[in-house]
Amino acid sequence: MIKKYYQSLHSLKYSLVLPGFTFLIFVVAFIRDKRKEPFLTGVLMVLVVLLMILMFFYYLGKIRISKQLKAIENIDEYKKGGMVDQSWILEYRILAYHQGVIQEVLVKDIRSMVVQEGQHGKYTFIFNDSIRMSCQDLSEGRRLLAILLKTNPSIQYTGLTPEGDGRIQSLGGKEYES
């Protein structure tokens, strides 16, 4: 399920571009057949090459996502956890997604957490100065911080204050504590 989620997320990026280029190629081919102009043959060839380049990057991205997810052990456990934007959260580990990069980080290994405001009102969390994760709003980030601090109270954080009881259910998780 998680692999399909990230594959679908990647496919959405190309959902308008690939069919649009294909339609444009057919339109130019139709006009070229009607008018018999050699200039349109060159335009058609350029469009076909551009479509091939787009398809190369599309499939390269799908392969990259598959490789990143294969490196993660017990990936199905994340189904029990919650979600923050496009990242999956468990109480002891995080599957962080940011701009096509998927990384797993153990909560016990997080030493620092910094919040930066990004584009379009989104926020970016930076764990240990290297692992990035996006977030829709700060209230979601505050609940995430409470969960992280419950597992690892030594996390140094800036730009955010914890909120909530630190339970995974506050992020929509299904895992229940005993």
N, C-alpha and C. Protein backbone atom coordinates (compact mmCIF):
# COMPACT_ATOMS: atom_id res chain seq x y z
N MET A 1 0.82 -1.19 0.00
CA MET A 1 0.00 0.00 0.00
C MET A 1 0.87 1.26 0.00
N ILE A 2 1.91 1.26 0.79
CA ILE A 2 2.76 2.45 0.89
C ILE A 2 3.53 2.64 -0.41
N LYS A 3 3.98 1.54 -1.01
CA LYS A 3 4.68 1.65 -2.29
C LYS A 3 3.73 2.22 -3.35
N LYS A 4 2.50 1.74 -3.37
CA LYS A 4 1.52 2.25 -4.35
C LYS A 4 1.21 3.72 -4.09
N TYR A 5 1.19 4.11 -2.82
CA TYR A 5 0.93 5.51 -2.49
C TYR A 5 2.00 6.42 -3.09
N TYR A 6 3.26 6.07 -2.88
CA TYR A 6 4.35 6.91 -3.39
C TYR A 6 4.46 6.83 -4.92
N GLN A 7 4.16 5.65 -5.50
CA GLN A 7 4.15 5.54 -6.96
C GLN A 7 3.04 6.43 -7.54
N SER A 8 1.88 6.43 -6.90
CA SER A 8 0.76 7.26 -7.37
C SER A 8 1.07 8.74 -7.20
N LEU A 9 1.72 9.09 -6.12
CA LEU A 9 2.12 10.47 -5.90
C LEU A 9 3.06 10.94 -7.00
N HIS A 10 3.97 10.08 -7.39
CA HIS A 10 4.89 10.40 -8.49
C HIS A 10 4.14 10.51 -9.82
N SER A 11 3.20 9.61 -10.05
CA SER A 11 2.43 9.64 -11.30
C SER A 11 1.59 10.90 -11.42
N LEU A 12 1.12 11.42 -10.30
CA LEU A 12 0.32 12.65 -10.33
C LEU A 12 1.11 13.83 -10.87
N LYS A 13 2.40 13.85 -10.64
CA LYS A 13 3.24 14.94 -11.14
C LYS A 13 3.22 15.00 -12.67
N TYR A 14 3.08 13.84 -13.29
CA TYR A 14 3.13 13.75 -14.75
C TYR A 14 1.74 13.57 -15.37
N SER A 15 0.69 13.62 -14.57
CA SER A 15 -0.65 13.30 -15.06
C SER A 15 -1.18 14.25 -16.12
N LEU A 16 -0.73 15.46 -16.15
CA LEU A 16 -1.17 16.40 -17.19
C LEU A 16 -0.15 16.53 -18.32
N VAL A 17 1.11 16.43 -17.99
CA VAL A 17 2.17 16.67 -18.97
C VAL A 17 2.25 15.55 -20.01
N LEU A 18 2.28 14.29 -19.56
CA LEU A 18 2.42 13.19 -20.52
C LEU A 18 1.24 13.08 -21.48
N PRO A 19 -0.01 13.07 -20.99
CA PRO A 19 -1.13 13.03 -21.94
C PRO A 19 -1.21 14.29 -22.80
N GLY A 20 -0.82 15.43 -22.24
CA GLY A 20 -0.84 16.68 -23.01
C GLY A 20 0.12 16.63 -24.18
N PHE A 21 1.34 16.15 -23.94
CA PHE A 21 2.32 16.03 -25.02
C PHE A 21 1.84 15.01 -26.06
N THR A 22 1.26 13.91 -25.60
CA THR A 22 0.77 12.89 -26.53
C THR A 22 -0.34 13.46 -27.41
N PHE A 23 -1.26 14.19 -26.81
CA PHE A 23 -2.34 14.81 -27.58
C PHE A 23 -1.77 15.82 -28.58
N LEU A 24 -0.81 16.61 -28.15
CA LEU A 24 -0.19 17.60 -29.03
C LEU A 24 0.51 16.93 -30.22
N ILE A 25 1.14 15.79 -29.97
CA ILE A 25 1.79 15.05 -31.06
C ILE A 25 0.75 14.58 -32.08
N PHE A 26 -0.38 14.07 -31.59
CA PHE A 26 -1.42 13.62 -32.51
C PHE A 26 -2.02 14.78 -33.30
N VAL A 27 -2.19 15.92 -32.66
CA VAL A 27 -2.72 17.10 -33.36
C VAL A 27 -1.76 17.55 -34.46
N VAL A 28 -0.49 17.63 -34.14
CA VAL A 28 0.51 18.05 -35.14
C VAL A 28 0.59 17.01 -36.26
N ALA A 29 0.52 15.73 -35.92
CA ALA A 29 0.56 14.68 -36.96
C ALA A 29 -0.66 14.79 -37.88
N PHE A 30 -1.83 15.06 -37.31
CA PHE A 30 -3.05 15.21 -38.11
C PHE A 30 -2.93 16.41 -39.05
N ILE A 31 -2.46 17.53 -38.53
CA ILE A 31 -2.31 18.74 -39.35
C ILE A 31 -1.25 18.51 -40.43
N ARG A 32 -0.18 17.81 -40.10
CA ARG A 32 0.88 17.52 -41.08
C ARG A 32 0.35 16.66 -42.22
N ASP A 33 -0.50 15.68 -41.89
CA ASP A 33 -1.08 14.84 -42.94
C ASP A 33 -2.01 15.62 -43.86
N LYS A 34 -2.71 16.61 -43.32
CA LYS A 34 -3.65 17.40 -44.12
C LYS A 34 -2.92 18.43 -44.99
N ARG A 35 -1.90 19.08 -44.44
CA ARG A 35 -1.24 20.19 -45.15
C ARG A 35 0.00 19.78 -45.92
N LYS A 36 0.60 18.65 -45.58
CA LYS A 36 1.80 18.15 -46.25
C LYS A 36 2.97 19.13 -46.21
N GLU A 37 3.15 19.81 -45.06
CA GLU A 37 4.26 20.77 -44.93
C GLU A 37 5.44 20.07 -44.24
N PRO A 38 6.65 20.18 -44.81
CA PRO A 38 7.83 19.54 -44.20
C PRO A 38 8.22 20.16 -42.87
N PHE A 39 7.87 21.42 -42.64
CA PHE A 39 8.18 22.08 -41.36
C PHE A 39 7.50 21.35 -40.20
N LEU A 40 6.28 20.88 -40.42
CA LEU A 40 5.55 20.19 -39.36
C LEU A 40 6.18 18.84 -39.02
N THR A 41 6.89 18.24 -39.96
CA THR A 41 7.60 17.00 -39.67
C THR A 41 8.70 17.24 -38.65
N GLY A 42 9.41 18.35 -38.79
CA GLY A 42 10.45 18.71 -37.82
C GLY A 42 9.86 18.99 -36.45
N VAL A 43 8.74 19.71 -36.42
CA VAL A 43 8.05 19.99 -35.14
C VAL A 43 7.61 18.69 -34.50
N LEU A 44 7.10 17.78 -35.32
CA LEU A 44 6.66 16.49 -34.80
C LEU A 44 7.82 15.70 -34.20
N MET A 45 8.95 15.71 -34.84
CA MET A 45 10.12 15.00 -34.33
C MET A 45 10.61 15.60 -33.01
N VAL A 46 10.60 16.91 -32.91
CA VAL A 46 11.01 17.57 -31.67
C VAL A 46 10.05 17.20 -30.53
N LEU A 47 8.75 17.20 -30.81
CA LEU A 47 7.77 16.83 -29.79
C LEU A 47 7.93 15.38 -29.35
N VAL A 48 8.22 14.50 -30.29
CA VAL A 48 8.43 13.09 -29.95
C VAL A 48 9.66 12.93 -29.06
N VAL A 49 10.73 13.63 -29.38
CA VAL A 49 11.95 13.56 -28.55
C VAL A 49 11.67 14.10 -27.15
N LEU A 50 10.93 15.21 -27.05
CA LEU A 50 10.58 15.76 -25.74
C LEU A 50 9.72 14.78 -24.94
N LEU A 51 8.79 14.11 -25.61
CA LEU A 51 7.97 13.11 -24.93
C LEU A 51 8.83 11.95 -24.43
N MET A 52 9.79 11.54 -25.23
CA MET A 52 10.68 10.46 -24.80
C MET A 52 11.51 10.87 -23.59
N ILE A 53 11.96 12.11 -23.55
CA ILE A 53 12.72 12.60 -22.40
C ILE A 53 11.84 12.63 -21.16
N LEU A 54 10.61 13.11 -21.29
CA LEU A 54 9.68 13.13 -20.16
C LEU A 54 9.41 11.72 -19.66
N MET A 55 9.19 10.79 -20.58
CA MET A 55 8.93 9.41 -20.17
C MET A 55 10.15 8.79 -19.49
N PHE A 56 11.34 9.15 -19.94
CA PHE A 56 12.56 8.67 -19.29
C PHE A 56 12.60 9.11 -17.83
N PHE A 57 12.33 10.39 -17.58
CA PHE A 57 12.35 10.89 -16.21
C PHE A 57 11.20 10.31 -15.39
N TYR A 58 10.07 10.08 -16.02
CA TYR A 58 8.93 9.47 -15.33
C TYR A 58 9.30 8.08 -14.83
N TYR A 59 9.83 7.24 -15.70
CA TYR A 59 10.19 5.88 -15.30
C TYR A 59 11.42 5.85 -14.39
N LEU A 60 12.33 6.76 -14.57
CA LEU A 60 13.47 6.86 -13.68
C LEU A 60 13.01 7.17 -12.25
N GLY A 61 12.04 8.07 -12.12
CA GLY A 61 11.49 8.39 -10.81
C GLY A 61 10.80 7.20 -10.17
N LYS A 62 10.06 6.43 -10.96
CA LYS A 62 9.39 5.24 -10.43
C LYS A 62 10.42 4.22 -9.93
N ILE A 63 11.50 4.05 -10.69
CA ILE A 63 12.55 3.12 -10.27
C ILE A 63 13.24 3.62 -9.01
N ARG A 64 13.49 4.91 -8.94
CA ARG A 64 14.14 5.50 -7.76
C ARG A 64 13.27 5.29 -6.51
N ILE A 65 11.97 5.49 -6.63
CA ILE A 65 11.07 5.29 -5.49
C ILE A 65 11.10 3.83 -5.06
N SER A 66 11.05 2.91 -6.01
CA SER A 66 11.09 1.48 -5.67
C SER A 66 12.37 1.12 -4.93
N LYS A 67 13.50 1.63 -5.39
CA LYS A 67 14.78 1.34 -4.72
C LYS A 67 14.82 1.92 -3.31
N GLN A 68 14.29 3.13 -3.15
CA GLN A 68 14.30 3.75 -1.82
C GLN A 68 13.42 2.96 -0.86
N LEU A 69 12.29 2.45 -1.34
CA LEU A 69 11.38 1.72 -0.46
C LEU A 69 11.86 0.29 -0.18
N LYS A 70 12.60 -0.31 -1.10
CA LYS A 70 13.13 -1.66 -0.87
C LYS A 70 14.15 -1.67 0.25
N ALA A 71 14.81 -0.56 0.48
CA ALA A 71 15.83 -0.49 1.53
C ALA A 71 15.23 -0.42 2.93
N ILE A 72 13.93 -0.25 3.03
CA ILE A 72 13.27 -0.08 4.33
C ILE A 72 12.70 -1.42 4.79
N GLU A 73 13.07 -1.82 5.99
CA GLU A 73 12.59 -3.08 6.55
C GLU A 73 11.22 -2.88 7.19
N ASN A 74 10.40 -3.90 7.12
CA ASN A 74 9.06 -3.90 7.73
C ASN A 74 8.26 -2.66 7.35
N ILE A 75 8.19 -2.38 6.08
CA ILE A 75 7.51 -1.16 5.62
C ILE A 75 6.01 -1.21 5.89
N ASP A 76 5.45 -2.42 5.98
CA ASP A 76 4.01 -2.53 6.21
C ASP A 76 3.59 -2.09 7.61
N GLU A 77 4.54 -1.99 8.53
CA GLU A 77 4.22 -1.49 9.88
C GLU A 77 3.70 -0.06 9.84
N TYR A 78 4.11 0.70 8.83
CA TYR A 78 3.70 2.10 8.74
C TYR A 78 2.20 2.25 8.53
N LYS A 79 1.53 1.18 8.09
CA LYS A 79 0.07 1.25 7.92
C LYS A 79 -0.62 1.50 9.26
N LYS A 80 0.01 1.09 10.35
CA LYS A 80 -0.57 1.28 11.68
C LYS A 80 -0.35 2.69 12.21
N GLY A 81 0.57 3.40 11.62
CA GLY A 81 0.93 4.73 12.12
C GLY A 81 0.10 5.84 11.53
N GLY A 82 0.51 7.06 11.84
CA GLY A 82 -0.17 8.24 11.33
C GLY A 82 0.57 8.86 10.16
N MET A 83 -0.02 9.90 9.62
CA MET A 83 0.59 10.60 8.49
C MET A 83 0.72 12.07 8.78
N VAL A 84 1.82 12.64 8.34
CA VAL A 84 2.02 14.08 8.35
C VAL A 84 2.37 14.45 6.92
N ASP A 85 1.49 15.17 6.26
CA ASP A 85 1.60 15.52 4.84
C ASP A 85 1.79 14.25 4.04
N GLN A 86 2.98 13.95 3.54
CA GLN A 86 3.21 12.76 2.73
C GLN A 86 4.20 11.82 3.40
N SER A 87 4.36 11.94 4.70
CA SER A 87 5.29 11.10 5.46
C SER A 87 4.50 10.24 6.43
N TRP A 88 4.99 9.04 6.69
CA TRP A 88 4.35 8.10 7.60
C TRP A 88 5.10 8.12 8.93
N ILE A 89 4.33 8.07 10.02
CA ILE A 89 4.91 8.22 11.36
C ILE A 89 4.53 7.03 12.23
N LEU A 90 5.51 6.44 12.86
CA LEU A 90 5.31 5.50 13.96
C LEU A 90 5.95 6.12 15.19
N GLU A 91 5.70 5.54 16.35
CA GLU A 91 6.23 6.12 17.57
C GLU A 91 7.75 6.03 17.65
N TYR A 92 8.34 5.06 16.99
CA TYR A 92 9.79 4.88 17.10
C TYR A 92 10.54 5.09 15.79
N ARG A 93 9.84 5.34 14.67
CA ARG A 93 10.52 5.64 13.42
C ARG A 93 9.61 6.44 12.48
N ILE A 94 10.25 7.10 11.52
CA ILE A 94 9.55 7.99 10.59
C ILE A 94 10.00 7.66 9.17
N LEU A 95 9.05 7.57 8.27
CA LEU A 95 9.33 7.44 6.84
C LEU A 95 9.11 8.82 6.24
N ALA A 96 10.19 9.60 6.16
CA ALA A 96 10.10 11.01 5.76
C ALA A 96 10.16 11.14 4.24
N TYR A 97 9.25 11.98 3.69
CA TYR A 97 9.21 12.25 2.26
C TYR A 97 9.30 13.75 2.05
N HIS A 98 10.22 14.15 1.17
CA HIS A 98 10.34 15.57 0.82
C HIS A 98 10.90 15.67 -0.59
N GLN A 99 10.11 16.21 -1.50
CA GLN A 99 10.50 16.46 -2.88
C GLN A 99 11.11 15.24 -3.56
N GLY A 100 10.43 14.12 -3.46
CA GLY A 100 10.86 12.91 -4.16
C GLY A 100 11.88 12.07 -3.43
N VAL A 101 12.35 12.48 -2.28
CA VAL A 101 13.34 11.72 -1.51
C VAL A 101 12.64 11.09 -0.31
N ILE A 102 12.78 9.77 -0.21
CA ILE A 102 12.18 9.02 0.90
C ILE A 102 13.31 8.51 1.78
N GLN A 103 13.25 8.84 3.07
CA GLN A 103 14.28 8.41 4.02
C GLN A 103 13.61 7.93 5.29
N GLU A 104 14.19 6.91 5.88
CA GLU A 104 13.70 6.44 7.17
C GLU A 104 14.65 6.93 8.26
N VAL A 105 14.07 7.42 9.34
CA VAL A 105 14.87 7.88 10.47
C VAL A 105 14.26 7.29 11.75
N LEU A 106 15.12 6.78 12.60
CA LEU A 106 14.67 6.29 13.90
C LEU A 106 14.55 7.48 14.84
N VAL A 107 13.49 7.50 15.62
CA VAL A 107 13.25 8.62 16.53
C VAL A 107 14.36 8.73 17.57
N LYS A 108 14.91 7.59 17.99
CA LYS A 108 15.99 7.63 18.99
C LYS A 108 17.26 8.27 18.43
N ASP A 109 17.40 8.30 17.09
CA ASP A 109 18.59 8.89 16.47
C ASP A 109 18.45 10.38 16.18
N ILE A 110 17.26 10.94 16.40
CA ILE A 110 17.06 12.36 16.12
C ILE A 110 17.67 13.17 17.26
N ARG A 111 18.57 14.08 16.92
CA ARG A 111 19.21 14.94 17.91
C ARG A 111 18.63 16.35 17.87
N SER A 112 18.27 16.81 16.65
CA SER A 112 17.76 18.17 16.52
C SER A 112 16.62 18.21 15.51
N MET A 113 15.76 19.20 15.69
CA MET A 113 14.63 19.40 14.78
C MET A 113 14.43 20.89 14.60
N VAL A 114 14.49 21.33 13.35
CA VAL A 114 14.32 22.75 13.02
C VAL A 114 13.14 22.86 12.07
N VAL A 115 12.34 23.91 12.24
CA VAL A 115 11.20 24.15 11.37
C VAL A 115 11.49 25.36 10.50
N GLN A 116 11.27 25.21 9.20
CA GLN A 116 11.42 26.32 8.26
C GLN A 116 10.12 26.50 7.50
N GLU A 117 9.74 27.76 7.29
CA GLU A 117 8.55 28.02 6.49
C GLU A 117 8.92 27.91 5.02
N GLY A 118 8.13 27.16 4.28
CA GLY A 118 8.40 26.95 2.87
C GLY A 118 7.43 27.70 1.98
N GLN A 119 7.29 27.22 0.77
CA GLN A 119 6.40 27.85 -0.19
C GLN A 119 4.96 27.42 0.05
N HIS A 120 4.05 28.28 -0.34
CA HIS A 120 2.61 28.01 -0.32
C HIS A 120 2.09 27.66 1.07
N GLY A 121 2.67 28.22 2.10
CA GLY A 121 2.20 28.00 3.46
C GLY A 121 2.61 26.67 4.06
N LYS A 122 3.39 25.88 3.38
CA LYS A 122 3.87 24.61 3.92
C LYS A 122 5.10 24.85 4.79
N TYR A 123 5.38 23.89 5.63
CA TYR A 123 6.54 23.96 6.50
C TYR A 123 7.42 22.75 6.25
N THR A 124 8.71 22.91 6.51
CA THR A 124 9.67 21.82 6.35
C THR A 124 10.35 21.58 7.68
N PHE A 125 10.34 20.32 8.12
CA PHE A 125 11.09 19.92 9.30
C PHE A 125 12.44 19.40 8.83
N ILE A 126 13.48 19.78 9.54
CA ILE A 126 14.82 19.29 9.23
C ILE A 126 15.34 18.57 10.47
N PHE A 127 15.52 17.25 10.34
CA PHE A 127 16.03 16.43 11.43
C PHE A 127 17.53 16.25 11.25
N ASN A 128 18.30 16.47 12.30
CA ASN A 128 19.75 16.25 12.30
C ASN A 128 20.45 16.97 11.14
N ASP A 129 19.95 18.10 10.76
CA ASP A 129 20.53 18.94 9.70
C ASP A 129 20.58 18.28 8.33
N SER A 130 19.95 17.13 8.13
CA SER A 130 20.05 16.49 6.82
C SER A 130 18.74 15.88 6.32
N ILE A 131 17.91 15.37 7.18
CA ILE A 131 16.69 14.69 6.75
C ILE A 131 15.54 15.69 6.77
N ARG A 132 14.88 15.83 5.63
CA ARG A 132 13.80 16.80 5.49
C ARG A 132 12.46 16.09 5.39
N MET A 133 11.44 16.80 5.90
CA MET A 133 10.08 16.28 5.87
C MET A 133 9.13 17.46 5.78
N SER A 134 8.14 17.39 4.92
CA SER A 134 7.21 18.52 4.78
C SER A 134 5.99 18.33 5.67
N CYS A 135 5.31 19.44 5.94
CA CYS A 135 4.14 19.45 6.82
C CYS A 135 3.17 20.52 6.33
N GLN A 136 1.88 20.25 6.42
CA GLN A 136 0.86 21.19 5.94
C GLN A 136 0.71 22.41 6.83
N ASP A 137 0.64 22.19 8.14
CA ASP A 137 0.46 23.32 9.05
C ASP A 137 1.19 23.07 10.37
N LEU A 138 1.30 24.12 11.16
CA LEU A 138 2.08 24.02 12.40
C LEU A 138 1.40 23.19 13.47
N SER A 139 0.07 23.14 13.50
CA SER A 139 -0.60 22.34 14.53
C SER A 139 -0.27 20.86 14.35
N GLU A 140 -0.20 20.42 13.11
CA GLU A 140 0.20 19.05 12.83
C GLU A 140 1.65 18.82 13.27
N GLY A 141 2.49 19.81 13.05
CA GLY A 141 3.89 19.72 13.46
C GLY A 141 4.05 19.69 14.97
N ARG A 142 3.21 20.45 15.67
CA ARG A 142 3.27 20.44 17.14
C ARG A 142 2.90 19.07 17.70
N ARG A 143 1.88 18.44 17.11
CA ARG A 143 1.48 17.10 17.56
C ARG A 143 2.59 16.08 17.26
N LEU A 144 3.23 16.23 16.10
CA LEU A 144 4.35 15.35 15.76
C LEU A 144 5.49 15.52 16.76
N LEU A 145 5.80 16.75 17.10
CA LEU A 145 6.87 17.01 18.06
C LEU A 145 6.57 16.38 19.42
N ALA A 146 5.31 16.42 19.85
CA ALA A 146 4.94 15.79 21.12
C ALA A 146 5.17 14.28 21.07
N ILE A 147 4.87 13.67 19.94
CA ILE A 147 5.11 12.23 19.79
C ILE A 147 6.61 11.93 19.83
N LEU A 148 7.38 12.74 19.13
CA LEU A 148 8.83 12.52 19.10
C LEU A 148 9.46 12.71 20.47
N LEU A 149 9.01 13.74 21.20
CA LEU A 149 9.57 14.01 22.53
C LEU A 149 9.18 12.93 23.54
N LYS A 150 8.05 12.29 23.33
CA LYS A 150 7.64 11.21 24.23
C LYS A 150 8.61 10.02 24.11
N THR A 151 9.05 9.75 22.88
CA THR A 151 9.98 8.65 22.65
C THR A 151 11.42 9.05 22.92
N ASN A 152 11.78 10.28 22.54
CA ASN A 152 13.16 10.76 22.68
C ASN A 152 13.14 12.17 23.27
N PRO A 153 13.13 12.31 24.60
CA PRO A 153 13.05 13.64 25.22
C PRO A 153 14.29 14.50 25.03
N SER A 154 15.37 13.95 24.49
CA SER A 154 16.60 14.74 24.34
C SER A 154 16.66 15.51 23.02
N ILE A 155 15.59 15.52 22.24
CA ILE A 155 15.59 16.24 20.96
C ILE A 155 15.64 17.74 21.22
N GLN A 156 16.58 18.41 20.57
CA GLN A 156 16.67 19.87 20.62
C GLN A 156 15.82 20.41 19.48
N TYR A 157 14.84 21.26 19.79
CA TYR A 157 13.94 21.76 18.75
C TYR A 157 13.85 23.27 18.79
N THR A 158 13.68 23.86 17.62
CA THR A 158 13.52 25.30 17.50
C THR A 158 12.39 25.60 16.52
N GLY A 159 11.67 26.67 16.79
CA GLY A 159 10.60 27.12 15.91
C GLY A 159 9.27 26.45 16.15
N LEU A 160 9.14 25.67 17.22
CA LEU A 160 7.91 24.92 17.46
C LEU A 160 7.82 24.55 18.94
N THR A 161 6.59 24.45 19.45
CA THR A 161 6.37 23.96 20.80
C THR A 161 5.47 22.74 20.72
N PRO A 162 5.71 21.73 21.55
CA PRO A 162 4.89 20.51 21.48
C PRO A 162 3.45 20.77 21.91
N GLU A 163 2.54 20.00 21.33
CA GLU A 163 1.11 20.14 21.63
C GLU A 163 0.50 18.74 21.63
N GLY A 164 -0.38 18.48 22.55
CA GLY A 164 -1.07 17.20 22.59
C GLY A 164 -0.45 16.24 23.58
N ASP A 165 -1.00 15.02 23.58
CA ASP A 165 -0.59 14.02 24.57
C ASP A 165 0.52 13.10 24.08
N GLY A 166 1.00 13.28 22.86
CA GLY A 166 2.10 12.47 22.36
C GLY A 166 1.69 11.09 21.91
N ARG A 167 0.42 10.93 21.57
CA ARG A 167 -0.07 9.63 21.09
C ARG A 167 -0.16 9.65 19.57
N ILE A 168 0.13 8.53 18.96
CA ILE A 168 0.12 8.42 17.50
C ILE A 168 -1.28 8.64 16.93
N GLN A 169 -2.31 8.43 17.74
CA GLN A 169 -3.68 8.63 17.27
C GLN A 169 -3.96 10.10 16.95
N SER A 170 -3.20 11.02 17.50
CA SER A 170 -3.41 12.44 17.20
C SER A 170 -3.05 12.77 15.76
N LEU A 171 -2.32 11.87 15.10
CA LEU A 171 -1.99 12.04 13.68
C LEU A 171 -2.76 11.06 12.80
N GLY A 172 -3.79 10.44 13.37
CA GLY A 172 -4.61 9.51 12.60
C GLY A 172 -4.10 8.08 12.63
N GLY A 173 -3.21 7.77 13.56
CA GLY A 173 -2.64 6.43 13.63
C GLY A 173 -3.60 5.44 14.25
N LYS A 174 -3.39 4.16 13.95
CA LYS A 174 -4.25 3.09 14.45
C LYS A 174 -3.60 2.32 15.58
N GLU A 175 -2.33 2.54 15.79
CA GLU A 175 -1.60 1.76 16.78
C GLU A 175 -1.99 2.22 18.19
N TYR A 176 -2.32 1.27 19.04
CA TYR A 176 -2.74 1.60 20.40
C TYR A 176 -1.65 1.19 21.37
N GLU A 177 -1.46 2.05 22.33
CA GLU A 177 -0.45 1.78 23.35
C GLU A 177 -1.03 0.86 24.41
N SER A 178 -0.20 0.08 25.03
CA SER A 178 -0.68 -0.81 26.09
C SER A 178 -0.37 -0.25 27.45
